[in-house]
Amino acid sequence: MEETTTSPSRLFTALAIGAGVGILCVALNVVITFLNAPIYQAVVNEGKAVTGNTYAVFGLACLGLFIQVLACFLTGFIVGKATIQRQLGFYAAVVTSAIVYLASFAVRYIPNYPGNLTSSTSVSAGMATGGIITVIVFLIIWGLVGGLIGLWGARISTRKHPAYAGQPHE
């Protein structure tokens, strides 16, 4: 089997697909959240009581996770079909996961976004540094998990390609 190299155009294509799917996934999560804002408000009004609305919010959180996992898989699958290189499926899904994870912080700046909390606590430099380190660690973990799911999608899409199928036995 001959070794393939990653050309810049294939890498750019993979990263562009990953960024596009990531932005689409973020938009979908924001729309789902806004459409279900009354449920979030009902849970806030109920306090600590566990009701049907609490389970509905849990279900919405599971839906958001499923959407991201599916998006990473489809990113890897699409990139695998487009570039015939599995590693690019991994890279594209890492970009998708990173965009979705970082956007979870950015959506807090949307006015009237459900789940925004006001805080009057003063922030010290140590607290800010600890928070930034935590975000970076979870960004790396989340990116790697998404990348592995994308690699799985790329593997599924290229499993019968001649470059990966191997030589037929005679």
Protein backbone atom coordinates (compact mmCIF):
# COMPACT_ATOMS: atom_id res chain seq x y z
CA MET A 1 0.00 0.00 0.00
CA GLU A 2 1.45 3.34 -0.95
CA GLU A 3 1.63 6.05 1.65
CA THR A 4 -0.53 9.10 1.11
CA THR A 5 0.34 12.58 2.23
CA THR A 6 -2.08 15.23 3.33
CA SER A 7 -2.25 17.99 0.77
CA PRO A 8 -3.07 21.49 2.01
CA SER A 9 -6.28 21.59 -0.02
CA ARG A 10 -7.57 18.37 1.57
CA LEU A 11 -6.68 19.62 5.03
CA PHE A 12 -8.42 22.92 4.36
CA THR A 13 -11.48 21.07 3.04
CA ALA A 14 -11.60 18.88 6.14
CA LEU A 15 -11.25 21.79 8.54
CA ALA A 16 -13.85 23.81 6.63
CA ILE A 17 -16.31 20.92 6.82
CA GLY A 18 -15.59 20.56 10.54
CA ALA A 19 -16.12 24.27 11.16
CA GLY A 20 -19.31 24.32 9.11
CA VAL A 21 -20.81 21.35 10.92
CA GLY A 22 -19.75 22.82 14.27
CA ILE A 23 -21.47 26.13 13.55
CA LEU A 24 -24.57 24.30 12.32
CA CYS A 25 -24.60 22.20 15.50
CA VAL A 26 -24.33 25.31 17.69
CA ALA A 27 -27.17 26.99 15.80
CA LEU A 28 -29.32 23.90 16.22
CA ASN A 29 -28.64 23.75 19.96
CA VAL A 30 -29.50 27.45 20.37
CA VAL A 31 -32.75 27.04 18.44
CA ILE A 32 -33.75 23.99 20.50
CA THR A 33 -32.99 25.89 23.70
CA PHE A 34 -35.04 28.92 22.69
CA LEU A 35 -37.95 26.77 21.52
CA ASN A 36 -38.02 25.06 24.91
CA ALA A 37 -37.52 28.20 27.01
CA PRO A 38 -40.92 27.79 28.75
CA ILE A 39 -39.82 24.41 30.09
CA TYR A 40 -36.59 25.89 31.45
CA GLN A 41 -38.56 28.74 33.06
CA ALA A 42 -40.99 26.27 34.65
CA VAL A 43 -38.09 24.35 36.19
CA VAL A 44 -36.65 27.56 37.61
CA ASN A 45 -40.03 28.49 39.10
CA GLU A 46 -40.47 25.04 40.66
CA GLY A 47 -37.27 25.36 42.65
CA LYS A 48 -35.65 22.15 43.85
CA ALA A 49 -38.75 20.01 43.36
CA VAL A 50 -38.34 17.21 40.84
CA THR A 51 -41.24 17.22 38.39
CA GLY A 52 -41.94 16.18 34.84
CA ASN A 53 -40.36 19.40 33.62
CA THR A 54 -37.12 18.43 35.34
CA TYR A 55 -37.06 15.20 33.37
CA ALA A 56 -37.87 17.13 30.20
CA VAL A 57 -34.83 19.37 30.75
CA PHE A 58 -32.70 16.28 31.35
CA GLY A 59 -34.03 14.85 28.09
CA LEU A 60 -33.15 18.08 26.28
CA ALA A 61 -29.60 17.87 27.66
CA CYS A 62 -29.35 14.29 26.39
CA LEU A 63 -30.68 15.44 23.01
CA GLY A 64 -27.97 18.11 22.85
CA LEU A 65 -25.29 15.52 23.60
CA PHE A 66 -26.71 13.14 20.99
CA ILE A 67 -26.75 15.92 18.39
CA GLN A 68 -23.08 16.66 19.04
CA VAL A 69 -22.05 13.00 18.89
CA LEU A 70 -24.01 12.54 15.67
CA ALA A 71 -22.48 15.73 14.24
CA CYS A 72 -18.95 14.47 14.99
CA PHE A 73 -19.71 11.10 13.41
CA LEU A 74 -21.21 12.71 10.30
CA THR A 75 -18.28 15.12 10.07
CA GLY A 76 -15.86 12.22 10.03
CA PHE A 77 -18.02 10.31 7.57
CA ILE A 78 -18.31 13.25 5.16
CA VAL A 79 -14.62 14.09 5.37
CA GLY A 80 -13.70 10.43 4.93
CA LYS A 81 -15.78 10.25 1.76
CA ALA A 82 -14.49 13.58 0.46
CA THR A 83 -10.78 13.14 1.17
CA ILE A 84 -10.31 9.36 1.53
CA GLN A 85 -8.10 10.00 4.56
CA ARG A 86 -9.20 8.88 7.99
CA GLN A 87 -6.91 11.19 9.92
CA LEU A 88 -8.60 14.21 8.36
CA GLY A 89 -11.92 12.92 9.69
CA PHE A 90 -10.36 12.99 13.14
CA TYR A 91 -9.10 16.56 12.70
CA ALA A 92 -12.42 17.80 11.34
CA ALA A 93 -14.37 16.27 14.23
CA VAL A 94 -11.94 17.83 16.72
CA VAL A 95 -12.75 21.21 15.18
CA THR A 96 -16.48 20.46 15.38
CA SER A 97 -16.24 19.46 19.05
CA ALA A 98 -14.10 22.46 19.94
CA ILE A 99 -16.51 24.89 18.28
CA VAL A 100 -19.51 23.38 20.06
CA TYR A 101 -17.74 23.35 23.44
CA LEU A 102 -16.48 26.92 23.17
CA ALA A 103 -19.85 28.11 21.90
CA SER A 104 -21.45 26.82 25.09
CA PHE A 105 -19.68 29.73 26.81
CA ALA A 106 -20.41 32.26 24.08
CA VAL A 107 -24.18 31.67 24.10
CA ARG A 108 -24.30 33.01 27.65
CA TYR A 109 -23.93 36.48 26.13
CA ILE A 110 -27.18 36.13 24.15
CA PRO A 111 -29.83 38.29 25.85
CA ASN A 112 -32.61 36.31 27.58
CA TYR A 113 -30.86 33.00 26.90
CA PRO A 114 -32.36 30.33 29.18
CA GLY A 115 -30.02 29.32 31.96
CA ASN A 116 -28.16 32.61 32.31
CA LEU A 117 -27.41 33.33 35.94
CA THR A 118 -26.45 36.66 37.40
CA SER A 119 -23.65 36.69 39.91
CA SER A 120 -22.52 39.32 42.35
CA THR A 121 -19.53 37.31 43.55
CA SER A 122 -16.19 39.03 43.21
CA VAL A 123 -13.67 37.17 41.10
CA SER A 124 -10.04 36.85 42.10
CA ALA A 125 -7.12 36.16 39.79
CA GLY A 126 -6.74 32.66 41.24
CA MET A 127 -10.37 31.81 40.54
CA ALA A 128 -10.09 33.09 36.98
CA THR A 129 -6.88 31.15 36.36
CA GLY A 130 -8.39 27.97 37.76
CA GLY A 131 -11.46 28.43 35.60
CA ILE A 132 -9.40 28.97 32.46
CA ILE A 133 -7.27 25.90 33.15
CA THR A 134 -10.41 23.82 33.71
CA VAL A 135 -11.91 25.05 30.44
CA ILE A 136 -8.71 24.19 28.55
CA VAL A 137 -8.50 20.70 30.06
CA PHE A 138 -12.12 19.93 29.21
CA LEU A 139 -11.68 21.44 25.74
CA ILE A 140 -8.84 19.02 25.07
CA ILE A 141 -10.80 16.05 26.44
CA TRP A 142 -13.98 17.00 24.57
CA GLY A 143 -12.00 17.57 21.37
CA LEU A 144 -10.31 14.19 21.60
CA VAL A 145 -13.58 12.38 22.27
CA GLY A 146 -15.21 14.14 19.32
CA GLY A 147 -12.17 13.39 17.18
CA LEU A 148 -12.37 9.69 18.00
CA ILE A 149 -16.04 9.65 17.07
CA GLY A 150 -15.13 11.42 13.81
CA LEU A 151 -12.38 8.88 13.19
CA TRP A 152 -14.98 6.15 13.60
CA GLY A 153 -17.16 7.90 11.01
CA ALA A 154 -14.21 8.25 8.63
CA ARG A 155 -13.35 4.58 9.14
CA ILE A 156 -16.90 3.54 8.31
CA SER A 157 -16.92 5.68 5.16
CA THR A 158 -13.57 4.40 3.86
CA ARG A 159 -13.70 0.75 4.90
CA LYS A 160 -14.31 -0.52 1.36
CA HIS A 161 -12.02 1.94 -0.38
CA PRO A 162 -9.15 0.19 -2.23
CA ALA A 163 -6.53 2.15 -0.29
CA TYR A 164 -7.78 0.62 2.98
CA ALA A 165 -9.34 -2.67 1.89
CA GLY A 166 -6.03 -4.45 1.38
CA GLN A 167 -4.90 -6.79 -1.34
CA PRO A 168 -7.21 -9.60 -2.48
CA HIS A 169 -5.92 -13.10 -1.80
CA GLU A 170 -5.27 -15.20 -4.89
